[in-house]
Amino acid sequence: MAQESPKNSAAEIPVTSNGQLEDSHEHSFNRDLKHSLPVELGLSETKITSHGFDSTKEGVIEAGPFPGKGSSASPKSSVISPSSAAASRLAGQGCDLFIPTGGRAQQKSGPVVLADEVKNPAMEKLELVRRWSLNTYKVSRQIFISEKLGRGSRTVDLELEAQIDILRDNKKKYENILRLAQTLSTQLFQMVHTQRQLGDAFADLSLKSLELHEEFGYNADTQKLLAKNGETLLGAINFFIASVNTLVNKTIEDTLLTVKQYESARIEYDAYRTDLEELNLGPRDANTLPKIEQSQQLFQAHKEKYDKMRNDVSIKLKFLEENKVKVLHNQLVLFHNAIAAYFAGNQKQLEQTLKQFHIKLKTPGADAPSWLEEQ
C-alpha cells in the first residue's frame, strides 16, 4: 500500500466561493510564516497573485520591506516561477498568498513595459540624414534628368523670370560702371598727388630764383588750385562709387539671394510634383495608396513654400526698382555736375555741388592719430 504523501498545510487553507481566502485563516497563516523565519535574514514581504485553475503560468510578485525593519523603500515588482508545491496549489485556486522571499528574486520571463520611450538622438540624426538624402536625390533627378535632358517639365513664371533676367543683366552693367569709376578715382588721385608735388616744387623755385620769381609763383598757384579742385572732384566721385557699390553689392545682391531661394523652392516643388504625377499614373492598391497620400502632403507643403518665395521675390523686385531709380538719379546728377564744374574751372559751382549732396571732404592728415595718441 502506497504511503500517503504528507499534505502541505498551505494547501488546506479554506477559500470562499469566489476564490478568496477567509480573513481569519489568512492572517493566522501569514503570522505563523513570519514567526517561523529568522528576522535577521532581512527578508522582504512578497505577495503572489495568480489567476486560473491549475495554471502553469508564472505569477507576478510585489516585493516590499519586511514589517518591523523600518524600511521606507518603495515596493518592487518582478516575475518569478513559483517553486513550492503549496504556492502552486494556492496559485491554481486563485488565492492571494503572502510568503517571505529573499531580495534576489531572478526575473525569468515576461513582458517589460516602459513608461515613457526615450528618444534616441542618434536615431533622430539618422532620420534627418535620410530625409536630406532623399530630398537631394529628388532635386538632382529634377535638374539633370527632367530639365537638362528634357525628359520632364518645369514650372515657369514668364513675367517674373523676365524681371529676374533684366536684374541680372543690369547688375553686370552696374558692376562695369563701378569698376570704371574706381579706375577713374585711382587715376585722379595720382594726378592730384602729382599736381600738389609740382606746386610745391614751383613754390620752392619761386623763392630761390629771383629772376623767375613771378613765373614760378604763377605756376605754383595754378597747380595748387588744380589739386584743390581735384580733391573736391575726387570726393564727389568717391561718394558716387560708395552709393553705387551699396546698390550693387548689398541691395541687388540681397534680392538675388532671395531669387536663389525662390529657384531652389521651384526645383523642389517640380520634383515632388513629378513624383506625385508618376504615382497617380500607376496602380492604386493597398500598398500604393499610403505612398500617394504621403506624396500629396509633401507636394502641398513644397507648393506653399514655392508660392511664398515667388511672392517675396515679386515684392523685393518692386521695391528694388523704386530704390534703384531714386539712388541712381541723385548719383548721376552729382557725377555730371561735378565733372562739368571741374573741367570748366568753376570752383564755386564745384563746391556748391558737394554742398547740395551733403558731401564733406576729408582734410588731409585728419585720419592720422596725433603724436600724443600714438604714445
Protein backbone atom coordinates (compact mmCIF):
# COMPACT_ATOMS: atom_id res chain seq x y z
CA MET A 1 0.00 0.00 0.00
CA ALA A 2 1.45 3.25 -1.05
CA GLN A 3 2.20 5.68 1.68
CA GLU A 4 0.10 8.77 1.51
CA SER A 5 2.19 11.86 0.91
CA PRO A 6 2.06 14.40 3.68
CA LYS A 7 -0.14 17.31 2.92
CA ASN A 8 1.20 20.78 2.97
CA SER A 9 -0.57 22.94 5.45
CA ALA A 10 -0.73 25.75 2.91
CA ALA A 11 -2.90 23.61 0.63
CA GLU A 12 -5.59 23.20 3.33
CA ILE A 13 -6.37 26.87 3.63
CA PRO A 14 -10.12 27.30 3.15
CA VAL A 15 -11.24 29.66 0.43
CA THR A 16 -14.57 31.34 -0.25
CA SER A 17 -16.80 30.73 -3.20
CA ASN A 18 -15.19 33.48 -5.26
CA GLY A 19 -11.67 32.09 -4.76
CA GLN A 20 -10.60 34.47 -1.95
CA LEU A 21 -9.11 33.39 1.38
CA GLU A 22 -11.04 33.83 4.55
CA ASP A 23 -9.66 36.72 6.53
CA SER A 24 -9.10 34.83 9.80
CA HIS A 25 -7.18 31.95 8.26
CA GLU A 26 -5.19 34.26 6.00
CA HIS A 27 -3.97 36.40 8.87
CA SER A 28 -3.14 33.42 11.02
CA PHE A 29 -1.24 31.73 8.20
CA ASN A 30 0.76 34.86 7.45
CA ARG A 31 1.52 35.32 11.17
CA ASP A 32 2.79 31.74 11.53
CA LEU A 33 5.03 32.09 8.50
CA LYS A 34 6.51 35.36 9.72
CA HIS A 35 7.27 33.94 13.16
CA SER A 36 8.76 30.76 11.76
CA LEU A 37 11.52 32.56 9.85
CA PRO A 38 14.50 34.29 11.40
CA VAL A 39 14.20 38.05 11.47
CA GLU A 40 17.95 38.52 10.98
CA LEU A 41 17.77 37.31 7.40
CA GLY A 42 16.23 40.65 6.34
CA LEU A 43 13.64 39.02 4.09
CA SER A 44 11.05 41.11 2.27
CA GLU A 45 7.33 40.53 2.23
CA THR A 46 6.13 39.29 -1.13
CA LYS A 47 2.63 39.00 -2.48
CA ILE A 48 1.99 36.39 -5.17
CA THR A 49 -1.07 36.78 -7.34
CA SER A 50 -2.10 34.16 -9.88
CA HIS A 51 -5.38 33.53 -11.63
CA GLY A 52 -6.72 30.47 -13.33
CA PHE A 53 -7.18 26.93 -12.11
CA ASP A 54 -4.06 24.72 -12.28
CA SER A 55 -2.26 27.49 -14.15
CA THR A 56 1.33 26.77 -15.16
CA LYS A 57 2.00 30.39 -15.99
CA GLU A 58 4.34 32.39 -13.91
CA GLY A 59 2.98 34.62 -11.22
CA VAL A 60 3.65 38.31 -10.53
CA ILE A 61 5.05 39.17 -7.14
CA GLU A 62 5.27 42.53 -5.42
CA ALA A 63 8.19 42.70 -3.05
CA GLY A 64 8.17 45.20 -0.18
CA PRO A 65 10.10 45.73 3.05
CA PHE A 66 9.58 43.27 5.89
CA PRO A 67 7.43 44.76 8.65
CA GLY A 68 9.33 45.86 11.69
CA LYS A 69 12.56 46.78 9.96
CA GLY A 70 11.63 50.42 9.36
CA SER A 71 12.49 50.30 5.70
CA SER A 72 10.96 53.03 3.54
CA ALA A 73 11.98 51.60 0.18
CA SER A 74 9.25 51.55 -2.44
CA PRO A 75 7.84 48.15 -3.47
CA LYS A 76 9.49 46.46 -6.42
CA SER A 77 7.95 44.12 -8.95
CA SER A 78 9.45 41.11 -10.65
CA VAL A 79 8.29 37.95 -12.40
CA ILE A 80 9.21 34.52 -10.95
CA SER A 81 8.06 30.92 -11.24
CA PRO A 82 6.51 29.54 -8.04
CA SER A 83 8.69 26.71 -6.81
CA SER A 84 6.91 25.32 -3.80
CA ALA A 85 4.05 22.87 -4.05
CA ALA A 86 1.91 24.93 -1.69
CA ALA A 87 2.35 28.07 -3.73
CA SER A 88 1.46 26.16 -6.90
CA ARG A 89 -1.73 24.76 -5.37
CA LEU A 90 -2.80 28.12 -3.97
CA ALA A 91 -2.00 29.88 -7.21
CA GLY A 92 -4.10 27.35 -9.10
CA GLN A 93 -7.03 28.10 -6.76
CA GLY A 94 -6.78 31.84 -7.38
CA CYS A 95 -5.61 32.65 -3.82
CA ASP A 96 -3.56 35.61 -2.64
CA LEU A 97 -0.66 34.31 -0.57
CA PHE A 98 1.97 36.19 1.43
CA ILE A 99 5.24 34.31 1.65
CA PRO A 100 8.73 35.54 2.62
CA THR A 101 11.25 35.59 -0.17
CA GLY A 102 14.77 36.83 -0.48
CA GLY A 103 15.56 40.16 -2.16
CA ARG A 104 17.35 38.38 -5.01
CA ALA A 105 14.40 37.04 -6.99
CA GLN A 106 15.60 36.44 -10.52
CA GLN A 107 13.41 37.54 -13.39
CA LYS A 108 12.77 34.57 -15.66
CA SER A 109 10.44 35.85 -18.33
CA GLY A 110 7.56 38.17 -19.02
CA PRO A 111 6.94 41.45 -20.80
CA VAL A 112 8.72 44.63 -19.77
CA VAL A 113 6.69 47.83 -20.08
CA LEU A 114 8.44 51.19 -20.27
CA ALA A 115 6.52 54.20 -19.03
CA ASP A 116 8.00 56.74 -21.46
CA GLU A 117 10.02 55.84 -24.51
CA VAL A 118 13.19 57.91 -24.58
CA LYS A 119 14.08 59.38 -27.97
CA ASN A 120 17.48 58.44 -29.23
CA PRO A 121 19.46 61.45 -30.61
CA ALA A 122 21.32 59.14 -32.97
CA MET A 123 18.09 57.92 -34.50
CA GLU A 124 16.87 61.50 -34.93
CA LYS A 125 20.08 62.46 -36.72
CA LEU A 126 19.80 59.37 -38.88
CA GLU A 127 16.26 60.35 -39.81
CA LEU A 128 17.39 63.88 -40.71
CA VAL A 129 20.19 62.49 -42.89
CA ARG A 130 17.72 60.14 -44.58
CA ARG A 131 15.32 62.98 -45.37
CA TRP A 132 18.15 65.20 -46.62
CA SER A 133 19.48 62.41 -48.86
CA LEU A 134 16.02 61.72 -50.28
CA ASN A 135 15.41 65.41 -50.97
CA THR A 136 18.86 65.80 -52.58
CA TYR A 137 18.20 62.82 -54.80
CA LYS A 138 14.84 64.18 -55.94
CA VAL A 139 16.29 67.64 -56.65
CA SER A 140 19.27 66.21 -58.55
CA ARG A 141 16.99 64.00 -60.63
CA GLN A 142 14.77 67.00 -61.41
CA ILE A 143 17.74 69.15 -62.51
CA PHE A 144 19.80 66.67 -64.51
CA ILE A 145 17.16 64.33 -65.90
CA SER A 146 13.89 66.22 -66.09
CA GLU A 147 15.19 69.67 -67.06
CA LYS A 148 18.64 69.38 -68.64
CA LEU A 149 17.84 66.23 -70.62
CA GLY A 150 14.33 67.43 -71.44
CA ARG A 151 12.56 64.37 -70.06
CA GLY A 152 10.26 66.32 -67.78
CA SER A 153 8.57 69.67 -67.32
CA ARG A 154 9.35 72.71 -65.19
CA THR A 155 7.21 75.44 -63.73
CA VAL A 156 7.86 78.83 -65.34
CA ASP A 157 6.54 82.27 -64.40
CA LEU A 158 7.25 84.21 -67.59
CA GLU A 159 6.78 87.67 -66.14
CA LEU A 160 8.85 87.00 -63.05
CA GLU A 161 11.61 85.24 -65.00
CA ALA A 162 11.88 88.22 -67.37
CA GLN A 163 12.28 90.62 -64.43
CA ILE A 164 14.97 88.41 -62.90
CA ASP A 165 16.91 88.27 -66.19
CA ILE A 166 16.77 92.07 -66.51
CA LEU A 167 18.01 92.44 -62.94
CA ARG A 168 20.99 90.15 -63.52
CA ASP A 169 21.88 91.94 -66.75
CA ASN A 170 21.66 95.35 -65.05
CA LYS A 171 23.83 94.11 -62.20
CA LYS A 172 26.61 93.22 -64.66
CA LYS A 173 26.37 96.67 -66.28
CA TYR A 174 26.40 98.46 -62.93
CA GLU A 175 29.43 96.44 -61.88
CA ASN A 176 31.21 97.60 -65.04
CA ILE A 177 30.37 101.26 -64.29
CA LEU A 178 31.55 100.77 -60.73
CA ARG A 179 34.85 99.28 -61.88
CA LEU A 180 35.47 102.16 -64.34
CA ALA A 181 34.60 104.78 -61.71
CA GLN A 182 37.06 103.18 -59.30
CA THR A 183 39.75 103.31 -62.01
CA LEU A 184 38.98 106.99 -62.63
CA SER A 185 39.19 107.70 -58.91
CA THR A 186 42.59 105.99 -58.67
CA GLN A 187 43.95 107.90 -61.66
CA LEU A 188 42.56 111.21 -60.43
CA PHE A 189 44.13 110.63 -57.03
CA GLN A 190 47.51 110.07 -58.67
CA MET A 191 47.09 113.23 -60.77
CA VAL A 192 46.09 115.32 -57.76
CA HIS A 193 49.05 113.99 -55.81
CA THR A 194 51.37 114.86 -58.72
CA GLN A 195 49.88 118.37 -59.07
CA ARG A 196 50.35 119.00 -55.37
CA GLN A 197 54.01 117.95 -55.55
CA LEU A 198 54.51 120.04 -58.69
CA GLY A 199 53.00 123.10 -56.98
CA ASP A 200 55.35 122.67 -54.01
CA ALA A 201 58.33 122.42 -56.40
CA PHE A 202 57.30 125.63 -58.24
CA ALA A 203 56.83 127.47 -54.94
CA ASP A 204 60.32 126.43 -53.77
CA LEU A 205 61.93 127.61 -57.01
CA SER A 206 59.98 130.87 -56.81
CA LEU A 207 61.73 131.65 -53.54
CA LYS A 208 65.19 130.64 -54.75
CA SER A 209 65.11 132.11 -58.29
CA LEU A 210 64.64 135.85 -58.01
CA GLU A 211 64.73 136.42 -61.75
CA LEU A 212 61.86 133.86 -62.27
CA HIS A 213 60.01 134.57 -59.04
CA GLU A 214 56.73 135.61 -60.65
CA GLU A 215 56.69 132.85 -63.28
CA PHE A 216 57.30 130.08 -60.78
CA GLY A 217 54.76 131.67 -58.46
CA TYR A 218 52.01 131.68 -61.08
CA ASN A 219 52.56 128.02 -61.87
CA ALA A 220 52.69 127.12 -58.20
CA ASP A 221 49.33 128.80 -57.58
CA THR A 222 47.78 127.15 -60.64
CA GLN A 223 48.89 123.64 -59.67
CA LYS A 224 47.75 124.07 -56.09
CA LEU A 225 44.35 125.29 -57.29
CA LEU A 226 44.04 122.33 -59.64
CA ALA A 227 45.00 119.98 -56.81
CA LYS A 228 42.36 121.53 -54.56
CA ASN A 229 39.65 121.25 -57.23
CA GLY A 230 40.84 117.71 -57.94
CA GLU A 231 40.37 116.79 -54.29
CA THR A 232 36.85 118.23 -54.43
CA LEU A 233 36.06 116.23 -57.57
CA LEU A 234 37.66 113.15 -56.01
CA GLY A 235 35.29 113.46 -53.03
CA ALA A 236 32.28 113.59 -55.37
CA ILE A 237 33.48 110.56 -57.36
CA ASN A 238 34.17 108.54 -54.22
CA PHE A 239 30.67 109.36 -52.92
CA PHE A 240 29.25 108.19 -56.27
CA ILE A 241 31.29 104.96 -56.02
CA ALA A 242 30.14 104.27 -52.45
CA SER A 243 26.46 104.71 -53.34
CA VAL A 244 26.62 102.54 -56.46
CA ASN A 245 28.60 99.90 -54.56
CA THR A 246 25.89 99.75 -51.88
CA LEU A 247 23.24 99.42 -54.54
CA VAL A 248 25.04 96.66 -56.48
CA ASN A 249 26.72 94.59 -53.75
CA LYS A 250 24.13 94.90 -50.99
CA THR A 251 20.67 95.84 -52.25
CA ILE A 252 20.73 93.96 -55.55
CA GLU A 253 22.74 91.08 -54.06
CA ASP A 254 20.16 90.66 -51.28
CA THR A 255 17.40 90.48 -53.90
CA LEU A 256 19.36 87.93 -55.92
CA LEU A 257 19.81 85.83 -52.77
CA THR A 258 16.04 85.72 -52.43
CA VAL A 259 15.86 84.78 -56.12
CA LYS A 260 18.20 81.83 -55.47
CA GLN A 261 15.97 80.65 -52.64
CA TYR A 262 12.97 81.01 -54.93
CA GLU A 263 14.67 78.91 -57.63
CA SER A 264 15.54 76.20 -55.09
CA ALA A 265 11.93 76.13 -53.90
CA ARG A 266 10.77 75.91 -57.52
CA ILE A 267 13.03 72.91 -58.23
CA GLU A 268 11.84 71.08 -55.09
CA TYR A 269 8.23 71.86 -56.00
CA ASP A 270 8.70 70.43 -59.50
CA ALA A 271 10.50 67.36 -58.13
CA TYR A 272 7.66 66.44 -55.75
CA ARG A 273 5.09 67.34 -58.40
CA THR A 274 6.73 64.87 -60.79
CA ASP A 275 6.72 62.15 -58.11
CA LEU A 276 3.02 62.70 -57.44
CA GLU A 277 2.20 62.57 -61.15
CA GLU A 278 4.11 59.29 -61.55
CA LEU A 279 2.31 57.72 -58.57
CA ASN A 280 -1.09 58.84 -59.88
CA LEU A 281 -0.37 57.19 -63.22
CA GLY A 282 0.42 53.87 -61.54
CA PRO A 283 -1.96 51.31 -60.00
CA ARG A 284 -3.93 52.11 -56.87
CA ASP A 285 -3.88 49.38 -54.25
CA ALA A 286 -3.27 48.94 -50.53
CA ASN A 287 0.47 49.41 -50.99
CA THR A 288 0.42 52.49 -53.22
CA LEU A 289 -2.39 54.47 -51.55
CA PRO A 290 -0.30 55.39 -48.45
CA LYS A 291 2.56 56.45 -50.72
CA ILE A 292 0.24 58.60 -52.81
CA GLU A 293 -1.18 60.24 -49.70
CA GLN A 294 2.30 60.96 -48.31
CA SER A 295 3.43 62.30 -51.68
CA GLN A 296 0.36 64.55 -51.81
CA GLN A 297 1.21 66.02 -48.41
CA LEU A 298 4.83 66.68 -49.38
CA PHE A 299 3.74 68.22 -52.68
CA GLN A 300 1.31 70.55 -50.91
CA ALA A 301 3.99 71.67 -48.42
CA HIS A 302 6.50 72.47 -51.17
CA LYS A 303 3.81 74.21 -53.21
CA GLU A 304 3.08 76.56 -50.31
CA LYS A 305 6.81 77.24 -49.93
CA TYR A 306 7.14 77.94 -53.65
CA ASP A 307 4.19 80.35 -53.66
CA LYS A 308 5.60 82.19 -50.64
CA MET A 309 9.04 82.59 -52.21
CA ARG A 310 7.54 83.76 -55.50
CA ASN A 311 5.56 86.41 -53.66
CA ASP A 312 8.69 87.52 -51.74
CA VAL A 313 10.68 87.88 -54.97
CA SER A 314 7.94 89.95 -56.62
CA ILE A 315 7.79 92.34 -53.67
CA LYS A 316 11.59 92.72 -53.47
CA LEU A 317 11.88 93.36 -57.19
CA LYS A 318 9.27 96.10 -56.95
CA PHE A 319 10.99 97.83 -54.01
CA LEU A 320 14.40 97.41 -55.63
CA GLU A 321 13.25 99.12 -58.83
CA GLU A 322 11.92 102.10 -56.89
CA ASN A 323 15.07 102.38 -54.77
CA LYS A 324 17.37 101.96 -57.79
CA VAL A 325 15.73 104.79 -59.74
CA LYS A 326 15.90 107.14 -56.77
CA VAL A 327 19.53 106.39 -55.91
CA LEU A 328 20.88 106.42 -59.45
CA HIS A 329 19.04 109.64 -60.30
CA ASN A 330 20.77 111.54 -57.49
CA GLN A 331 24.17 109.96 -58.10
CA LEU A 332 24.16 110.59 -61.84
CA VAL A 333 23.24 114.26 -61.32
CA LEU A 334 26.07 114.58 -58.81
CA PHE A 335 28.60 112.95 -61.12
CA HIS A 336 27.61 115.14 -64.09
CA ASN A 337 27.66 118.46 -62.22
CA ALA A 338 30.97 117.71 -60.50
CA ILE A 339 32.76 116.68 -63.71
CA ALA A 340 31.35 119.66 -65.66
CA ALA A 341 32.32 122.18 -62.97
CA TYR A 342 35.82 120.75 -62.58
CA PHE A 343 36.75 120.82 -66.27
CA ALA A 344 35.09 124.21 -66.73
CA GLY A 345 37.26 125.57 -63.94
CA ASN A 346 34.24 126.74 -61.97
CA GLN A 347 35.43 126.21 -58.44
CA LYS A 348 32.38 127.82 -56.87
CA GLN A 349 29.94 125.57 -58.75
CA LEU A 350 32.02 122.51 -57.85
CA GLU A 351 31.88 123.36 -54.15
CA GLN A 352 28.18 124.12 -54.43
CA THR A 353 27.57 120.68 -55.93
CA LEU A 354 29.17 119.00 -52.94
CA LYS A 355 27.12 121.09 -50.53
CA GLN A 356 23.97 120.18 -52.44
CA PHE A 357 24.57 116.47 -51.80
CA HIS A 358 25.90 117.00 -48.25
CA ILE A 359 29.36 115.68 -49.04
CA LYS A 360 32.10 116.53 -46.55
CA LEU A 361 35.67 116.38 -47.75
CA LYS A 362 38.29 114.83 -45.54
CA THR A 363 41.09 117.14 -44.51
CA PRO A 364 44.48 115.68 -45.48
CA GLY A 365 46.02 114.02 -42.44
CA ALA A 366 42.77 114.18 -40.43
CA ASP A 367 42.63 110.40 -40.09
CA ALA A 368 46.20 110.16 -38.83
CA PRO A 369 46.47 110.00 -35.00
CA SER A 370 48.37 112.70 -33.17
CA TRP A 371 51.73 112.06 -31.55
CA LEU A 372 50.04 112.14 -28.12
CA GLU A 373 47.54 109.43 -29.19
CA GLU A 374 50.37 107.31 -30.55
CA GLN A 375 52.12 107.45 -27.18
